[in-house]
């Protein structure tokens, strides 16, 4: 009678499983920092290359996140966003007791191509404004947002917006705009190397790309926004109801 030997796990897999146990143990909280690669290498008596491979796999599984220059952190929860309400990013974060923040990357006047002009319901080659921002929660980068606005709206926003300011609040207070509804799609997208650096990601991860067209009470397009959210930290929540055919 012969018995099959269980294949021996490689070192990076052993390290990954040990770290997974550490992450999942009672008392671990989101945002807890993990030991450095050097210390983990000494602890497990393996090379930093082995540690790095294990960490990359844990990151791809959404169990940790890494911020360049700061270290690796435990990720035990994702931030949900309901899709049945038109809310701002700041409102979403505050509802979850997280501190929202925004860093303006740039805001410029550009000439609209056919795609953007169609989304804003203007003429091709009309001037528009694009506002690029890095969105954060409790200081952690969450998303990169590109917001396109018609010239008359964008010019006001360009003069008044600052880091951390709610764009939707400026629409109401500076532009006298009341938002009414929006159409939004969600798809999977890749992060460019530049986007990965902004979001503090060392290894490739997928992003959740949202495209939103927002209207005011006069059925005029106020903004067209494309945002890339970290898939390891964000999820979208939808409530569905059974279809009730009319009788």
Foldseek 3Di string as FASTA:
>chain_A
DDDDDDDDDDPLVVLLVVVVCVLPDPPHDWFAFDDALVVSCVVSVHDSVSVVVSVVVCVQVLQWAAAPPPHITGGDAAQEAEDPDDDFPCVSQVVVVWHKKKAWPDKDKDFAAPVVCVLQVHDHRAIKMWTWIFIDTNRATWKIKIKIFHPVLSVQCVVDDDIRDTPVVCCCPVVVFAWDDKDKDKDKDWDDPVRCNSNRGPDTYIWIWMWMFTATPVRGTGIIMIMTGGPSHYDYDYDDDDDDDDD
